[in-house]
Amino acid sequence: MSETRSRLPDFTNPPVIEVALSVQFEPLSGFRTSHFGLLWSDFRRQFPRTEEHPPRPPVIDQFGIRRAPKMDVRVEMALPVPQCRFLTVWTTRYSDTFLSGPEDIGLRVRYIIPGVDGSPIGRLLVSVDPAYRAEDDRPIYVLLLTARGRPIGQGIEGALGFLDIGREWIVRGFTSLTSPRMHEIWGRRNAH
């Protein structure tokens, strides 16, 4: 474990409902469905359940990032709508009377992930969207953090290098965006 990873904030009961890792690359010529079967045979003991999904479109960031390792963390925040602070700053001052107050509000924020030389190597994308909890239909907000960027070197090591950076940005970003009181509830084990 790297020194940086060992110092990341850690929680005994984080509100994480999904973690996904992916690496985007150019299509492999000659790679067929039968090859996927052979690959899966190596992993089926660890991952016995499979799902079929259509391919995702490629992601291209504006500062020239084409190959984008992607790491997503989805976090359910079971906060009743009236207690969510960013709703209290919403104004109902409109230019006319057509719209009244919104039903709900979402939020999108992007942060640049700098490389060693300070130039951008990726982005941390943060979104907060209204949803309903499946088990009781209670209104919640889902916090989604996505680190997207380019490999920091050649081959697998370069892709894994950015995945490590992406994980660090997601964990530290989550910690920065959530309150110390919630850190107590989620069992934060290290203070800094």
N, C-alpha and C. Protein backbone atom coordinates (compact mmCIF):
# COMPACT_ATOMS: atom_id res chain seq x y z
N MET A 1 0.85 -1.18 0.00
CA MET A 1 0.00 0.00 0.00
C MET A 1 0.89 1.23 0.00
N SER A 2 0.58 2.18 -0.86
CA SER A 2 1.39 3.39 -0.93
C SER A 2 1.18 4.26 0.29
N GLU A 3 2.12 5.16 0.55
CA GLU A 3 2.03 6.06 1.70
C GLU A 3 0.78 6.93 1.60
N THR A 4 0.46 7.42 0.39
CA THR A 4 -0.73 8.26 0.20
C THR A 4 -1.99 7.49 0.55
N ARG A 5 -2.11 6.25 0.04
CA ARG A 5 -3.32 5.46 0.29
C ARG A 5 -3.47 5.16 1.77
N SER A 6 -2.37 4.92 2.49
CA SER A 6 -2.47 4.60 3.90
C SER A 6 -2.95 5.81 4.72
N ARG A 7 -2.81 7.03 4.17
CA ARG A 7 -3.24 8.23 4.89
C ARG A 7 -4.61 8.71 4.46
N LEU A 8 -5.28 8.00 3.56
CA LEU A 8 -6.61 8.43 3.13
C LEU A 8 -7.61 8.28 4.26
N PRO A 9 -8.60 9.16 4.30
CA PRO A 9 -9.66 8.98 5.29
C PRO A 9 -10.29 7.60 5.14
N ASP A 10 -10.67 7.01 6.25
CA ASP A 10 -11.23 5.66 6.23
C ASP A 10 -12.46 5.64 7.14
N PHE A 11 -13.52 4.95 6.71
CA PHE A 11 -14.78 4.90 7.44
C PHE A 11 -15.16 3.44 7.67
N THR A 12 -15.67 3.13 8.88
CA THR A 12 -16.10 1.75 9.16
C THR A 12 -17.45 1.45 8.53
N ASN A 13 -18.30 2.46 8.35
CA ASN A 13 -19.64 2.25 7.80
C ASN A 13 -19.98 3.35 6.79
N PRO A 14 -19.22 3.44 5.69
CA PRO A 14 -19.49 4.52 4.73
C PRO A 14 -20.82 4.30 4.02
N PRO A 15 -21.48 5.36 3.58
CA PRO A 15 -22.79 5.22 2.93
C PRO A 15 -22.65 4.91 1.43
N VAL A 16 -21.73 4.06 1.09
CA VAL A 16 -21.46 3.73 -0.32
C VAL A 16 -22.36 2.59 -0.76
N ILE A 17 -23.05 2.78 -1.89
CA ILE A 17 -23.88 1.71 -2.42
C ILE A 17 -23.30 1.09 -3.69
N GLU A 18 -22.30 1.75 -4.29
CA GLU A 18 -21.70 1.19 -5.50
C GLU A 18 -20.32 1.78 -5.71
N VAL A 19 -19.39 0.93 -6.12
CA VAL A 19 -18.07 1.38 -6.56
C VAL A 19 -17.83 0.69 -7.89
N ALA A 20 -17.47 1.47 -8.90
CA ALA A 20 -17.20 0.90 -10.23
C ALA A 20 -15.87 1.43 -10.74
N LEU A 21 -15.10 0.56 -11.35
CA LEU A 21 -13.83 0.94 -11.97
C LEU A 21 -13.90 0.59 -13.45
N SER A 22 -13.41 1.47 -14.30
CA SER A 22 -13.32 1.12 -15.71
C SER A 22 -12.15 1.83 -16.34
N VAL A 23 -11.61 1.24 -17.38
CA VAL A 23 -10.54 1.83 -18.16
C VAL A 23 -11.01 1.84 -19.61
N GLN A 24 -10.95 3.00 -20.24
CA GLN A 24 -11.37 3.14 -21.63
C GLN A 24 -10.16 3.05 -22.54
N PHE A 25 -10.28 2.31 -23.63
CA PHE A 25 -9.17 2.17 -24.57
C PHE A 25 -9.74 1.96 -25.96
N GLU A 26 -8.87 2.05 -26.95
CA GLU A 26 -9.28 1.83 -28.34
C GLU A 26 -9.78 0.40 -28.49
N PRO A 27 -10.75 0.16 -29.39
CA PRO A 27 -11.24 -1.21 -29.61
C PRO A 27 -10.09 -2.14 -30.00
N LEU A 28 -10.17 -3.37 -29.50
CA LEU A 28 -9.16 -4.38 -29.83
C LEU A 28 -9.58 -5.08 -31.11
N SER A 29 -8.78 -4.96 -32.13
CA SER A 29 -9.13 -5.61 -33.39
C SER A 29 -9.04 -7.12 -33.22
N GLY A 30 -10.03 -7.83 -33.74
CA GLY A 30 -10.04 -9.28 -33.65
C GLY A 30 -10.57 -9.84 -32.34
N PHE A 31 -10.92 -8.99 -31.39
CA PHE A 31 -11.44 -9.46 -30.10
C PHE A 31 -12.92 -9.78 -30.26
N ARG A 32 -13.33 -11.02 -29.99
CA ARG A 32 -14.70 -11.49 -30.21
C ARG A 32 -15.35 -11.89 -28.89
N THR A 33 -16.64 -12.16 -28.97
CA THR A 33 -17.40 -12.57 -27.79
C THR A 33 -16.80 -13.83 -27.16
N SER A 34 -16.31 -14.73 -27.98
CA SER A 34 -15.69 -15.96 -27.45
C SER A 34 -14.48 -15.65 -26.58
N HIS A 35 -13.76 -14.57 -26.90
CA HIS A 35 -12.62 -14.17 -26.07
C HIS A 35 -13.08 -13.70 -24.69
N PHE A 36 -14.23 -13.01 -24.65
CA PHE A 36 -14.78 -12.61 -23.35
C PHE A 36 -15.08 -13.85 -22.50
N GLY A 37 -15.61 -14.89 -23.15
CA GLY A 37 -15.89 -16.13 -22.42
C GLY A 37 -14.64 -16.74 -21.83
N LEU A 38 -13.57 -16.75 -22.61
CA LEU A 38 -12.30 -17.28 -22.10
C LEU A 38 -11.78 -16.45 -20.93
N LEU A 39 -11.90 -15.13 -21.05
CA LEU A 39 -11.46 -14.24 -19.97
C LEU A 39 -12.30 -14.47 -18.71
N TRP A 40 -13.62 -14.58 -18.89
CA TRP A 40 -14.50 -14.78 -17.74
C TRP A 40 -14.21 -16.10 -17.03
N SER A 41 -13.79 -17.11 -17.77
CA SER A 41 -13.49 -18.39 -17.14
C SER A 41 -12.39 -18.25 -16.08
N ASP A 42 -11.52 -17.26 -16.26
CA ASP A 42 -10.48 -17.01 -15.26
C ASP A 42 -11.01 -16.29 -14.02
N PHE A 43 -12.14 -15.60 -14.14
CA PHE A 43 -12.65 -14.77 -13.05
C PHE A 43 -13.97 -15.26 -12.46
N ARG A 44 -14.56 -16.30 -13.01
CA ARG A 44 -15.92 -16.64 -12.60
C ARG A 44 -16.05 -17.09 -11.15
N ARG A 45 -15.01 -17.60 -10.54
CA ARG A 45 -15.11 -17.96 -9.11
C ARG A 45 -15.29 -16.72 -8.24
N GLN A 46 -14.52 -15.66 -8.56
CA GLN A 46 -14.63 -14.41 -7.79
C GLN A 46 -15.88 -13.62 -8.18
N PHE A 47 -16.31 -13.73 -9.44
CA PHE A 47 -17.44 -12.95 -9.95
C PHE A 47 -18.41 -13.88 -10.69
N PRO A 48 -19.18 -14.68 -9.94
CA PRO A 48 -20.04 -15.67 -10.60
C PRO A 48 -21.25 -15.07 -11.33
N ARG A 49 -21.69 -13.91 -10.92
CA ARG A 49 -22.87 -13.29 -11.54
C ARG A 49 -22.44 -12.35 -12.66
N THR A 50 -23.07 -12.44 -13.80
CA THR A 50 -22.75 -11.55 -14.91
C THR A 50 -24.02 -10.82 -15.36
N GLU A 51 -23.82 -9.68 -16.01
CA GLU A 51 -24.91 -8.89 -16.59
C GLU A 51 -24.46 -8.43 -17.97
N GLU A 52 -25.39 -8.33 -18.89
CA GLU A 52 -25.09 -7.84 -20.23
C GLU A 52 -25.63 -6.42 -20.36
N HIS A 53 -24.79 -5.51 -20.86
CA HIS A 53 -25.19 -4.12 -21.08
C HIS A 53 -24.65 -3.66 -22.43
N PRO A 54 -25.33 -2.71 -23.07
CA PRO A 54 -24.77 -2.18 -24.32
C PRO A 54 -23.48 -1.42 -24.03
N PRO A 55 -22.60 -1.32 -25.02
CA PRO A 55 -21.35 -0.58 -24.80
C PRO A 55 -21.63 0.88 -24.47
N ARG A 56 -20.80 1.44 -23.59
CA ARG A 56 -20.92 2.86 -23.27
C ARG A 56 -20.20 3.67 -24.33
N PRO A 57 -20.72 4.86 -24.63
CA PRO A 57 -20.01 5.70 -25.60
C PRO A 57 -18.68 6.18 -25.01
N PRO A 58 -17.68 6.43 -25.86
CA PRO A 58 -16.40 6.91 -25.35
C PRO A 58 -16.54 8.28 -24.70
N VAL A 59 -15.69 8.54 -23.71
CA VAL A 59 -15.69 9.82 -23.01
C VAL A 59 -14.46 10.59 -23.45
N ILE A 60 -14.66 11.82 -23.91
CA ILE A 60 -13.55 12.66 -24.33
C ILE A 60 -13.65 13.98 -23.59
N ASP A 61 -12.68 14.29 -22.74
CA ASP A 61 -12.68 15.56 -22.02
C ASP A 61 -12.10 16.67 -22.89
N GLN A 62 -12.49 17.90 -22.61
CA GLN A 62 -12.12 19.02 -23.47
C GLN A 62 -10.64 19.33 -23.47
N PHE A 63 -9.89 19.00 -22.43
CA PHE A 63 -8.47 19.30 -22.49
C PHE A 63 -7.68 18.15 -23.08
N GLY A 64 -8.32 17.39 -23.99
CA GLY A 64 -7.60 16.42 -24.79
C GLY A 64 -7.45 15.04 -24.20
N ILE A 65 -8.17 14.71 -23.17
CA ILE A 65 -8.04 13.39 -22.59
C ILE A 65 -8.93 12.43 -23.38
N ARG A 66 -8.34 11.42 -23.97
CA ARG A 66 -9.11 10.47 -24.79
C ARG A 66 -9.30 9.16 -24.05
N ARG A 67 -8.24 8.62 -23.53
CA ARG A 67 -8.34 7.35 -22.81
C ARG A 67 -8.60 7.68 -21.36
N ALA A 68 -9.75 7.30 -20.88
CA ALA A 68 -10.19 7.80 -19.59
C ALA A 68 -10.48 6.68 -18.61
N PRO A 69 -9.51 6.30 -17.77
CA PRO A 69 -9.87 5.42 -16.67
C PRO A 69 -10.96 6.12 -15.87
N LYS A 70 -11.90 5.38 -15.39
CA LYS A 70 -13.03 5.99 -14.71
C LYS A 70 -13.30 5.22 -13.45
N MET A 71 -13.55 5.93 -12.39
CA MET A 71 -13.85 5.31 -11.12
C MET A 71 -15.05 6.04 -10.55
N ASP A 72 -16.10 5.33 -10.25
CA ASP A 72 -17.31 5.94 -9.73
C ASP A 72 -17.57 5.45 -8.32
N VAL A 73 -18.04 6.34 -7.49
CA VAL A 73 -18.53 5.96 -6.18
C VAL A 73 -19.91 6.58 -6.05
N ARG A 74 -20.90 5.77 -5.79
CA ARG A 74 -22.25 6.29 -5.57
C ARG A 74 -22.53 6.22 -4.07
N VAL A 75 -23.03 7.31 -3.54
CA VAL A 75 -23.28 7.39 -2.11
C VAL A 75 -24.71 7.84 -1.89
N GLU A 76 -25.48 7.06 -1.14
CA GLU A 76 -26.83 7.47 -0.78
C GLU A 76 -26.78 8.33 0.46
N MET A 77 -27.38 9.49 0.38
CA MET A 77 -27.49 10.36 1.54
C MET A 77 -28.96 10.37 1.94
N ALA A 78 -29.33 9.68 2.99
CA ALA A 78 -30.73 9.58 3.38
C ALA A 78 -31.15 10.81 4.17
N LEU A 79 -31.18 11.95 3.51
CA LEU A 79 -31.57 13.20 4.14
C LEU A 79 -32.96 13.59 3.69
N PRO A 80 -33.90 13.81 4.59
CA PRO A 80 -35.20 14.31 4.15
C PRO A 80 -35.00 15.67 3.46
N VAL A 81 -35.77 15.93 2.43
CA VAL A 81 -35.59 17.14 1.63
C VAL A 81 -35.56 18.42 2.46
N PRO A 82 -36.46 18.64 3.43
CA PRO A 82 -36.43 19.92 4.16
C PRO A 82 -35.15 20.17 4.94
N GLN A 83 -34.38 19.13 5.26
CA GLN A 83 -33.16 19.32 6.05
C GLN A 83 -31.91 19.54 5.20
N CYS A 84 -32.04 19.51 3.91
CA CYS A 84 -30.87 19.66 3.05
C CYS A 84 -30.55 21.14 2.88
N ARG A 85 -29.38 21.56 3.34
CA ARG A 85 -29.05 22.98 3.42
C ARG A 85 -29.02 23.70 2.09
N PHE A 86 -28.57 23.05 0.99
CA PHE A 86 -28.47 23.82 -0.23
C PHE A 86 -29.84 24.21 -0.78
N LEU A 87 -30.91 23.61 -0.28
CA LEU A 87 -32.25 24.04 -0.68
C LEU A 87 -32.65 25.36 -0.02
N THR A 88 -32.09 25.64 1.14
CA THR A 88 -32.50 26.84 1.86
C THR A 88 -32.02 28.12 1.20
N VAL A 89 -31.05 28.03 0.29
CA VAL A 89 -30.56 29.23 -0.37
C VAL A 89 -31.26 29.48 -1.70
N TRP A 90 -32.16 28.59 -2.10
CA TRP A 90 -32.88 28.76 -3.36
C TRP A 90 -33.80 29.96 -3.27
N THR A 91 -33.79 30.74 -4.31
CA THR A 91 -34.64 31.92 -4.35
C THR A 91 -35.81 31.70 -5.29
N THR A 92 -36.92 32.31 -5.01
CA THR A 92 -38.07 32.22 -5.92
C THR A 92 -38.28 33.54 -6.65
N ARG A 93 -37.21 34.32 -6.79
CA ARG A 93 -37.30 35.56 -7.56
C ARG A 93 -37.11 35.24 -9.03
N TYR A 94 -38.19 35.27 -9.77
CA TYR A 94 -38.17 35.00 -11.19
C TYR A 94 -38.52 36.28 -11.94
N SER A 95 -38.29 36.29 -13.24
CA SER A 95 -38.61 37.48 -14.04
C SER A 95 -40.10 37.63 -14.30
N ASP A 96 -40.86 36.54 -14.07
CA ASP A 96 -42.32 36.62 -14.22
C ASP A 96 -42.95 35.62 -13.25
N THR A 97 -44.22 35.37 -13.35
CA THR A 97 -44.93 34.50 -12.41
C THR A 97 -45.20 33.11 -12.96
N PHE A 98 -44.62 32.77 -14.10
CA PHE A 98 -44.90 31.46 -14.71
C PHE A 98 -44.46 30.31 -13.81
N LEU A 99 -43.24 30.35 -13.28
CA LEU A 99 -42.72 29.27 -12.43
C LEU A 99 -42.88 29.60 -10.96
N SER A 100 -43.23 28.58 -10.19
CA SER A 100 -43.19 28.73 -8.73
C SER A 100 -41.93 28.03 -8.24
N GLY A 101 -41.85 27.68 -6.97
CA GLY A 101 -40.66 27.00 -6.45
C GLY A 101 -40.47 25.65 -7.12
N PRO A 102 -39.21 25.18 -7.26
CA PRO A 102 -38.93 23.91 -7.93
C PRO A 102 -39.39 22.71 -7.10
N GLU A 103 -39.67 21.62 -7.78
CA GLU A 103 -40.01 20.37 -7.09
C GLU A 103 -38.80 19.85 -6.32
N ASP A 104 -37.62 19.89 -6.96
CA ASP A 104 -36.38 19.50 -6.32
C ASP A 104 -35.22 20.12 -7.10
N ILE A 105 -34.02 19.94 -6.59
CA ILE A 105 -32.84 20.57 -7.18
C ILE A 105 -31.71 19.55 -7.25
N GLY A 106 -30.93 19.60 -8.32
CA GLY A 106 -29.71 18.81 -8.44
C GLY A 106 -28.52 19.76 -8.53
N LEU A 107 -27.33 19.22 -8.42
CA LEU A 107 -26.12 20.04 -8.41
C LEU A 107 -25.02 19.31 -9.17
N ARG A 108 -24.24 20.03 -9.97
CA ARG A 108 -23.08 19.49 -10.69
C ARG A 108 -21.88 20.40 -10.46
N VAL A 109 -20.74 19.81 -10.10
CA VAL A 109 -19.51 20.58 -9.87
C VAL A 109 -18.35 19.79 -10.48
N ARG A 110 -17.38 20.51 -11.10
CA ARG A 110 -16.19 19.85 -11.66
C ARG A 110 -14.94 20.47 -11.03
N TYR A 111 -13.97 19.61 -10.70
CA TYR A 111 -12.69 20.04 -10.15
C TYR A 111 -11.59 19.47 -11.05
N ILE A 112 -10.58 20.28 -11.37
CA ILE A 112 -9.43 19.82 -12.15
C ILE A 112 -8.52 19.00 -11.23
N ILE A 113 -8.07 17.85 -11.73
CA ILE A 113 -7.05 17.05 -11.04
C ILE A 113 -5.72 17.38 -11.70
N PRO A 114 -4.82 18.04 -10.97
CA PRO A 114 -3.54 18.41 -11.57
C PRO A 114 -2.53 17.27 -11.52
N GLY A 115 -1.65 17.25 -12.52
CA GLY A 115 -0.54 16.30 -12.52
C GLY A 115 0.61 16.85 -11.70
N VAL A 116 1.71 16.14 -11.68
CA VAL A 116 2.89 16.54 -10.92
C VAL A 116 3.38 17.92 -11.34
N ASP A 117 3.29 18.22 -12.65
CA ASP A 117 3.75 19.52 -13.16
C ASP A 117 2.68 20.61 -13.09
N GLY A 118 1.51 20.28 -12.54
CA GLY A 118 0.43 21.26 -12.41
C GLY A 118 -0.53 21.29 -13.58
N SER A 119 -0.21 20.64 -14.69
CA SER A 119 -1.13 20.63 -15.83
C SER A 119 -2.25 19.61 -15.57
N PRO A 120 -3.42 19.84 -16.15
CA PRO A 120 -4.56 18.94 -15.88
C PRO A 120 -4.32 17.52 -16.40
N ILE A 121 -4.60 16.54 -15.54
CA ILE A 121 -4.56 15.14 -15.99
C ILE A 121 -5.94 14.50 -15.87
N GLY A 122 -6.89 15.22 -15.28
CA GLY A 122 -8.22 14.66 -15.13
C GLY A 122 -9.14 15.61 -14.42
N ARG A 123 -10.32 15.09 -14.11
CA ARG A 123 -11.34 15.87 -13.40
C ARG A 123 -12.01 15.01 -12.34
N LEU A 124 -12.41 15.66 -11.25
CA LEU A 124 -13.32 15.05 -10.29
C LEU A 124 -14.68 15.67 -10.58
N LEU A 125 -15.63 14.84 -10.94
CA LEU A 125 -16.99 15.29 -11.23
C LEU A 125 -17.87 14.92 -10.04
N VAL A 126 -18.62 15.88 -9.54
CA VAL A 126 -19.49 15.67 -8.39
C VAL A 126 -20.91 16.03 -8.79
N SER A 127 -21.84 15.15 -8.50
CA SER A 127 -23.24 15.48 -8.73
C SER A 127 -24.05 15.08 -7.51
N VAL A 128 -25.09 15.84 -7.26
CA VAL A 128 -26.05 15.54 -6.20
C VAL A 128 -27.42 15.57 -6.87
N ASP A 129 -28.12 14.45 -6.80
CA ASP A 129 -29.42 14.35 -7.47
C ASP A 129 -30.47 13.81 -6.53
N PRO A 130 -31.70 14.33 -6.65
CA PRO A 130 -32.79 13.82 -5.84
C PRO A 130 -33.18 12.42 -6.30
N ALA A 131 -33.59 11.60 -5.36
CA ALA A 131 -34.03 10.24 -5.66
C ALA A 131 -34.95 9.78 -4.53
N TYR A 132 -35.41 8.56 -4.63
CA TYR A 132 -36.21 7.95 -3.58
C TYR A 132 -35.57 6.62 -3.20
N ARG A 133 -35.45 6.40 -1.89
CA ARG A 133 -34.86 5.16 -1.39
C ARG A 133 -35.77 3.99 -1.74
N ALA A 134 -35.21 2.93 -2.29
CA ALA A 134 -35.99 1.81 -2.79
C ALA A 134 -36.84 1.13 -1.71
N GLU A 135 -36.27 0.93 -0.52
CA GLU A 135 -36.98 0.14 0.48
C GLU A 135 -38.19 0.84 1.12
N ASP A 136 -38.18 2.19 1.16
CA ASP A 136 -39.32 2.87 1.81
C ASP A 136 -39.81 4.10 1.05
N ASP A 137 -39.30 4.32 -0.14
CA ASP A 137 -39.72 5.45 -0.99
C ASP A 137 -39.49 6.81 -0.33
N ARG A 138 -38.56 6.86 0.59
CA ARG A 138 -38.24 8.11 1.28
C ARG A 138 -37.35 8.98 0.39
N PRO A 139 -37.60 10.29 0.33
CA PRO A 139 -36.75 11.14 -0.51
C PRO A 139 -35.32 11.22 0.05
N ILE A 140 -34.37 11.09 -0.85
CA ILE A 140 -32.95 11.16 -0.50
C ILE A 140 -32.24 11.96 -1.58
N TYR A 141 -30.97 12.24 -1.35
CA TYR A 141 -30.09 12.79 -2.37
C TYR A 141 -28.97 11.79 -2.60
N VAL A 142 -28.64 11.53 -3.86
CA VAL A 142 -27.56 10.62 -4.21
C VAL A 142 -26.36 11.47 -4.61
N LEU A 143 -25.25 11.27 -3.92
CA LEU A 143 -23.99 11.95 -4.21
C LEU A 143 -23.15 11.01 -5.06
N LEU A 144 -22.78 11.46 -6.26
CA LEU A 144 -21.99 10.65 -7.17
C LEU A 144 -20.67 11.36 -7.43
N LEU A 145 -19.57 10.69 -7.18
CA LEU A 145 -18.23 11.24 -7.45
C LEU A 145 -17.58 10.39 -8.53
N THR A 146 -17.07 11.03 -9.57
CA THR A 146 -16.41 10.34 -10.68
C THR A 146 -15.06 11.00 -10.91
N ALA A 147 -14.00 10.22 -10.86
CA ALA A 147 -12.67 10.71 -11.23
C ALA A 147 -12.40 10.21 -12.64
N ARG A 148 -12.11 11.11 -13.54
CA ARG A 148 -11.88 10.75 -14.93
C ARG A 148 -10.59 11.40 -15.39
N GLY A 149 -9.71 10.63 -16.03
CA GLY A 149 -8.46 11.22 -16.49
C GLY A 149 -7.67 10.28 -17.37
N ARG A 150 -6.49 10.72 -17.72
CA ARG A 150 -5.64 9.93 -18.62
C ARG A 150 -4.63 9.12 -17.81
N PRO A 151 -4.15 8.02 -18.40
CA PRO A 151 -3.11 7.25 -17.73
C PRO A 151 -1.89 8.13 -17.46
N ILE A 152 -1.19 7.85 -16.38
CA ILE A 152 -0.02 8.67 -16.03
C ILE A 152 1.28 8.03 -16.50
N GLY A 153 1.15 7.11 -17.42
CA GLY A 153 2.30 6.44 -18.00
C GLY A 153 1.81 5.45 -19.04
N GLN A 154 2.71 4.61 -19.52
CA GLN A 154 2.38 3.65 -20.56
C GLN A 154 1.79 2.37 -19.97
N GLY A 155 0.97 1.71 -20.75
CA GLY A 155 0.47 0.38 -20.43
C GLY A 155 -0.41 0.31 -19.20
N ILE A 156 -0.50 -0.91 -18.67
CA ILE A 156 -1.35 -1.18 -17.50
C ILE A 156 -0.92 -0.35 -16.30
N GLU A 157 0.39 -0.20 -16.09
CA GLU A 157 0.88 0.57 -14.93
C GLU A 157 0.40 2.02 -14.99
N GLY A 158 0.37 2.61 -16.19
CA GLY A 158 -0.10 3.98 -16.34
C GLY A 158 -1.58 4.11 -16.02
N ALA A 159 -2.37 3.14 -16.50
CA ALA A 159 -3.81 3.15 -16.21
C ALA A 159 -4.05 2.95 -14.72
N LEU A 160 -3.37 1.98 -14.13
CA LEU A 160 -3.53 1.75 -12.68
C LEU A 160 -3.05 2.96 -11.88
N GLY A 161 -2.03 3.65 -12.37
CA GLY A 161 -1.56 4.85 -11.69
C GLY A 161 -2.64 5.91 -11.59
N PHE A 162 -3.38 6.13 -12.70
CA PHE A 162 -4.46 7.10 -12.60
C PHE A 162 -5.60 6.58 -11.74
N LEU A 163 -5.89 5.29 -11.78
CA LEU A 163 -6.94 4.76 -10.90
C LEU A 163 -6.62 5.03 -9.44
N ASP A 164 -5.34 4.92 -9.05
CA ASP A 164 -4.93 5.26 -7.68
C ASP A 164 -5.18 6.74 -7.39
N ILE A 165 -4.81 7.61 -8.34
CA ILE A 165 -5.04 9.05 -8.16
C ILE A 165 -6.54 9.33 -8.10
N GLY A 166 -7.30 8.70 -8.98
CA GLY A 166 -8.75 8.88 -8.98
C GLY A 166 -9.38 8.46 -7.67
N ARG A 167 -8.93 7.33 -7.13
CA ARG A 167 -9.47 6.87 -5.84
C ARG A 167 -9.15 7.89 -4.74
N GLU A 168 -7.92 8.38 -4.74
CA GLU A 168 -7.55 9.37 -3.73
C GLU A 168 -8.44 10.61 -3.83
N TRP A 169 -8.67 11.10 -5.05
CA TRP A 169 -9.51 12.29 -5.23
C TRP A 169 -10.95 12.03 -4.83
N ILE A 170 -11.46 10.83 -5.10
CA ILE A 170 -12.83 10.51 -4.69
C ILE A 170 -12.94 10.45 -3.17
N VAL A 171 -12.01 9.75 -2.53
CA VAL A 171 -12.08 9.60 -1.06
C VAL A 171 -11.89 10.95 -0.38
N ARG A 172 -10.88 11.70 -0.79
CA ARG A 172 -10.64 13.01 -0.16
C ARG A 172 -11.74 14.00 -0.52
N GLY A 173 -12.24 13.95 -1.76
CA GLY A 173 -13.34 14.81 -2.16
C GLY A 173 -14.60 14.52 -1.36
N PHE A 174 -14.92 13.24 -1.19
CA PHE A 174 -16.08 12.85 -0.38
C PHE A 174 -15.93 13.38 1.04
N THR A 175 -14.74 13.23 1.60
CA THR A 175 -14.50 13.69 2.97
C THR A 175 -14.64 15.21 3.06
N SER A 176 -14.12 15.94 2.08
CA SER A 176 -14.23 17.40 2.08
C SER A 176 -15.67 17.88 1.93
N LEU A 177 -16.46 17.14 1.15
CA LEU A 177 -17.84 17.56 0.87
C LEU A 177 -18.83 17.18 1.95
N THR A 178 -18.45 16.31 2.87
CA THR A 178 -19.37 15.87 3.92
C THR A 178 -18.90 16.42 5.27
N SER A 179 -19.80 16.47 6.20
CA SER A 179 -19.54 17.15 7.47
C SER A 179 -18.86 16.25 8.51
N PRO A 180 -18.13 16.87 9.45
CA PRO A 180 -17.53 16.09 10.54
C PRO A 180 -18.57 15.30 11.34
N ARG A 181 -19.77 15.84 11.49
CA ARG A 181 -20.83 15.11 12.21
C ARG A 181 -21.18 13.81 11.49
N MET A 182 -21.29 13.86 10.15
CA MET A 182 -21.58 12.64 9.39
C MET A 182 -20.38 11.69 9.43
N HIS A 183 -19.16 12.23 9.49
CA HIS A 183 -17.97 11.37 9.61
C HIS A 183 -18.06 10.54 10.89
N GLU A 184 -18.54 11.15 11.98
CA GLU A 184 -18.73 10.41 13.24
C GLU A 184 -19.73 9.29 13.05
N ILE A 185 -20.87 9.59 12.42
CA ILE A 185 -21.92 8.60 12.19
C ILE A 185 -21.40 7.44 11.34
N TRP A 186 -20.59 7.76 10.32
CA TRP A 186 -20.07 6.74 9.42
C TRP A 186 -18.80 6.07 9.95
N GLY A 187 -18.36 6.45 11.16
CA GLY A 187 -17.23 5.78 11.81
C GLY A 187 -15.88 6.09 11.21
N ARG A 188 -15.58 7.39 11.04
CA ARG A 188 -14.26 7.75 10.50
C ARG A 188 -13.20 7.31 11.50
N ARG A 189 -12.19 6.58 11.00
CA ARG A 189 -11.16 6.02 11.86
C ARG A 189 -9.92 6.88 11.99
N ASN A 190 -9.67 7.74 11.04
CA ASN A 190 -8.47 8.58 11.13
C ASN A 190 -8.88 10.04 10.97
N ALA A 191 -8.28 10.89 11.75
CA ALA A 191 -8.72 12.29 11.82
C ALA A 191 -8.23 13.12 10.65
N HIS A 192 -7.06 12.87 10.12
CA HIS A 192 -6.52 13.74 9.06
C HIS A 192 -5.96 12.95 7.92
